[in-house]
Amino acid sequence: MIDRLFDHIKKFSSASDADLLLIQEVLSKKSFRKKEHLLTSGHTCHYKYFILEGCMRSYFVNSKGAEQIVNFAIEDWWMTDYDSFINQHISQLNIQAIEDCTVLRLSKSDFDQLMTESPSISTYFRTILEKRHIADQRRIQYMFNLSGEEMYDTFFDHNSAFTQRVPQYMLASYLGFTPEFLSKIRKKKAEERS
């Protein structure tokens, strides 16, 4: 299963076998059951998680007591609370397995050491972080510029794997919709296809 991560690293950097060995030595494999939390708000995030199998979400509970989903992640994606992980302070986010998950876990201290020891691994993580930032930036732009239906279409076009794996109420939260509004959009789309 480590080969899955190695392939991902090689896709975004020129990591050598020695670089891959460095990261392999500090990773630990862990499994989480569906609905199990990897992180709960009020605690510090000590790990980055590379998903080998499964689907996760990060979310916070807003002032009205509703869950607001920040991100989803599936196989070959990293999941963490970047703010808490990098700054090592209390997290406002929760990270939860939506499905049974198997991950490779990388601690903050090992991450920091890898960043200084391996320029290639550092390049890999910088590239992944840049891609995450671009995706988050686009999502914010979509929320301000697109209608609800256009936003759903854009999400579906770029992330169709999520629409089959993520419960509708979670997808609605991520897109900033009520579940009822998302249901209306999906019903309309189904009618257009028939």
Protein backbone atom coordinates (compact mmCIF):
# COMPACT_ATOMS: atom_id res chain seq x y z
CA MET A 1 0.00 0.00 0.00
CA ILE A 2 2.97 2.32 0.52
CA ASP A 3 3.49 2.11 -3.25
CA ARG A 4 0.32 4.14 -3.66
CA LEU A 5 1.91 7.03 -1.77
CA PHE A 6 5.23 6.58 -3.57
CA ASP A 7 3.47 6.83 -6.94
CA HIS A 8 1.73 10.00 -5.74
CA ILE A 9 5.01 11.55 -4.56
CA LYS A 10 6.75 10.73 -7.85
CA LYS A 11 3.87 12.33 -9.74
CA PHE A 12 4.65 15.72 -8.16
CA SER A 13 8.39 15.60 -7.40
CA SER A 14 11.67 14.00 -8.40
CA ALA A 15 11.97 12.01 -5.16
CA SER A 16 14.75 9.42 -5.11
CA ASP A 17 14.58 5.99 -3.50
CA ALA A 18 16.44 7.49 -0.54
CA ASP A 19 13.78 10.21 -0.20
CA LEU A 20 11.02 7.62 -0.32
CA LEU A 21 12.78 5.56 2.34
CA LEU A 22 12.93 8.65 4.59
CA ILE A 23 9.19 9.11 4.46
CA GLN A 24 8.46 5.38 4.70
CA GLU A 25 10.41 5.17 7.96
CA VAL A 26 8.23 7.78 9.69
CA LEU A 27 4.76 6.78 8.48
CA SER A 28 2.34 4.67 10.45
CA LYS A 29 -0.67 2.88 9.01
CA LYS A 30 -3.99 3.27 10.81
CA SER A 31 -7.61 2.34 10.17
CA PHE A 32 -10.72 4.25 11.17
CA ARG A 33 -14.31 3.03 11.17
CA LYS A 34 -17.13 4.88 9.46
CA LYS A 35 -18.19 7.90 11.57
CA GLU A 36 -15.02 7.69 13.72
CA HIS A 37 -13.23 10.99 14.34
CA LEU A 38 -9.55 11.40 13.59
CA LEU A 39 -9.62 14.87 15.17
CA THR A 40 -12.18 16.70 17.30
CA SER A 41 -12.34 20.43 17.83
CA GLY A 42 -10.68 21.56 21.02
CA HIS A 43 -7.66 19.30 20.42
CA THR A 44 -4.41 19.94 18.55
CA CYS A 45 -3.91 18.26 15.18
CA HIS A 46 -0.68 16.25 15.33
CA TYR A 47 -0.94 14.38 12.00
CA LYS A 48 -1.37 14.63 8.26
CA TYR A 49 -3.29 11.66 6.83
CA PHE A 50 -2.74 10.16 3.36
CA ILE A 51 -5.86 8.23 2.44
CA LEU A 52 -5.25 4.77 1.05
CA GLU A 53 -8.91 3.70 1.20
CA GLY A 54 -12.05 5.55 2.15
CA CYS A 55 -13.54 9.03 2.31
CA MET A 56 -13.27 11.73 5.01
CA ARG A 57 -14.59 15.15 5.76
CA SER A 58 -13.43 18.12 7.80
CA TYR A 59 -16.08 20.31 9.37
CA PHE A 60 -16.87 22.75 12.15
CA VAL A 61 -20.05 23.43 14.08
CA ASN A 62 -21.29 26.98 13.46
CA SER A 63 -22.88 29.36 15.96
CA LYS A 64 -26.34 27.95 15.15
CA GLY A 65 -25.18 24.41 15.99
CA ALA A 66 -25.13 23.25 12.36
CA GLU A 67 -22.23 21.33 10.84
CA GLN A 68 -20.42 23.24 8.08
CA ILE A 69 -18.22 21.05 5.89
CA VAL A 70 -14.89 22.58 4.90
CA ASN A 71 -13.40 19.77 2.79
CA PHE A 72 -13.75 16.19 1.65
CA ALA A 73 -10.90 13.82 0.82
CA ILE A 74 -10.71 10.45 -0.91
CA GLU A 75 -7.98 8.03 -1.95
CA ASP A 76 -4.62 9.63 -2.78
CA TRP A 77 -5.52 12.88 -1.00
CA TRP A 78 -4.06 14.28 2.20
CA MET A 79 -6.33 15.40 5.03
CA THR A 80 -5.41 17.52 8.04
CA ASP A 81 -6.35 20.73 9.80
CA TYR A 82 -3.54 22.82 8.31
CA ASP A 83 -3.94 25.69 10.77
CA SER A 84 -3.76 23.46 13.83
CA PHE A 85 -1.12 21.13 12.34
CA ILE A 86 1.29 23.86 11.22
CA ASN A 87 0.79 26.21 14.18
CA GLN A 88 0.24 23.46 16.77
CA HIS A 89 -2.68 25.18 18.45
CA ILE A 90 -6.19 24.06 19.30
CA SER A 91 -8.27 23.01 16.31
CA GLN A 92 -11.66 24.45 15.48
CA LEU A 93 -12.24 21.60 13.02
CA ASN A 94 -13.30 18.00 13.25
CA ILE A 95 -12.04 15.33 10.87
CA GLN A 96 -14.30 12.31 10.48
CA ALA A 97 -14.32 9.14 8.39
CA ILE A 98 -17.39 9.07 6.13
CA GLU A 99 -16.52 5.49 5.14
CA ASP A 100 -14.19 2.95 6.72
CA CYS A 101 -10.73 4.41 6.06
CA THR A 102 -7.15 3.21 5.93
CA VAL A 103 -4.54 5.95 6.10
CA LEU A 104 -0.83 6.57 6.36
CA ARG A 105 -0.19 8.98 9.21
CA LEU A 106 2.66 11.50 9.35
CA SER A 107 3.37 13.35 12.60
CA LYS A 108 4.20 17.04 12.83
CA SER A 109 7.73 16.43 14.15
CA ASP A 110 8.46 13.90 11.38
CA PHE A 111 6.96 16.24 8.78
CA ASP A 112 9.22 19.08 9.93
CA GLN A 113 12.26 16.82 9.82
CA LEU A 114 11.41 15.62 6.30
CA MET A 115 11.07 19.23 5.12
CA THR A 116 14.67 19.96 6.16
CA GLU A 117 16.20 16.62 5.12
CA SER A 118 14.62 16.14 1.69
CA PRO A 119 14.17 18.96 -0.82
CA SER A 120 12.19 16.59 -3.07
CA ILE A 121 9.72 15.67 -0.33
CA SER A 122 9.47 19.34 0.58
CA THR A 123 8.65 20.13 -3.07
CA TYR A 124 6.01 17.40 -3.06
CA PHE A 125 4.24 18.78 0.02
CA ARG A 126 4.49 22.36 -1.23
CA THR A 127 2.91 21.32 -4.52
CA ILE A 128 0.09 19.44 -2.76
CA LEU A 129 -0.56 22.44 -0.50
CA GLU A 130 -0.63 24.78 -3.50
CA LYS A 131 -3.16 22.53 -5.25
CA ARG A 132 -5.34 22.49 -2.11
CA HIS A 133 -5.14 26.27 -1.83
CA ILE A 134 -6.10 26.71 -5.49
CA ALA A 135 -9.10 24.39 -5.05
CA ASP A 136 -10.24 26.28 -1.94
CA GLN A 137 -9.79 29.63 -3.71
CA ARG A 138 -11.85 28.46 -6.69
CA ARG A 139 -14.58 27.20 -4.36
CA ILE A 140 -14.82 30.61 -2.70
CA GLN A 141 -14.99 32.30 -6.10
CA TYR A 142 -17.73 29.89 -7.20
CA MET A 143 -19.73 30.61 -4.04
CA PHE A 144 -19.72 34.34 -4.82
CA ASN A 145 -20.10 34.17 -8.61
CA LEU A 146 -22.27 31.18 -9.50
CA SER A 147 -25.92 30.37 -8.93
CA GLY A 148 -26.67 27.34 -6.79
CA GLU A 149 -27.36 25.22 -9.84
CA GLU A 150 -24.16 26.38 -11.59
CA MET A 151 -22.17 25.63 -8.46
CA TYR A 152 -23.63 22.13 -8.24
CA ASP A 153 -22.89 21.53 -11.94
CA THR A 154 -19.29 22.73 -11.52
CA PHE A 155 -18.79 20.54 -8.45
CA PHE A 156 -20.34 17.54 -10.18
CA ASP A 157 -18.25 18.04 -13.33
CA HIS A 158 -14.99 18.16 -11.35
CA ASN A 159 -15.79 15.81 -8.45
CA SER A 160 -18.36 13.27 -9.62
CA ALA A 161 -16.79 10.59 -7.38
CA PHE A 162 -17.97 12.51 -4.32
CA THR A 163 -21.60 12.73 -5.41
CA GLN A 164 -21.93 8.94 -5.18
CA ARG A 165 -19.97 8.51 -1.93
CA VAL A 166 -21.05 11.48 0.19
CA PRO A 167 -24.50 11.72 1.81
CA GLN A 168 -26.65 14.45 0.28
CA TYR A 169 -26.85 16.52 3.48
CA MET A 170 -23.03 16.62 3.65
CA LEU A 171 -22.74 17.67 0.03
CA ALA A 172 -25.32 20.39 0.68
CA SER A 173 -23.30 21.66 3.67
CA TYR A 174 -20.11 21.75 1.62
CA LEU A 175 -21.80 23.72 -1.17
CA GLY A 176 -23.48 26.10 1.29
CA PHE A 177 -27.00 24.82 0.49
CA THR A 178 -29.82 23.45 2.57
CA PRO A 179 -30.46 19.74 1.93
CA GLU A 180 -33.86 20.71 0.53
CA PHE A 181 -32.33 23.07 -2.03
CA LEU A 182 -29.84 20.42 -3.14
CA SER A 183 -32.67 17.91 -3.42
CA LYS A 184 -34.55 20.29 -5.75
CA ILE A 185 -31.47 20.73 -7.94
CA ARG A 186 -30.87 16.98 -8.15
CA LYS A 187 -34.53 16.34 -8.95
CA LYS A 188 -34.43 18.94 -11.73
CA LYS A 189 -31.23 17.39 -13.15
CA ALA A 190 -32.81 13.91 -13.10
CA GLU A 191 -35.89 15.21 -14.93
CA GLU A 192 -33.68 16.87 -17.56
CA ARG A 193 -31.85 13.58 -18.17
CA SER A 194 -35.08 11.59 -18.65
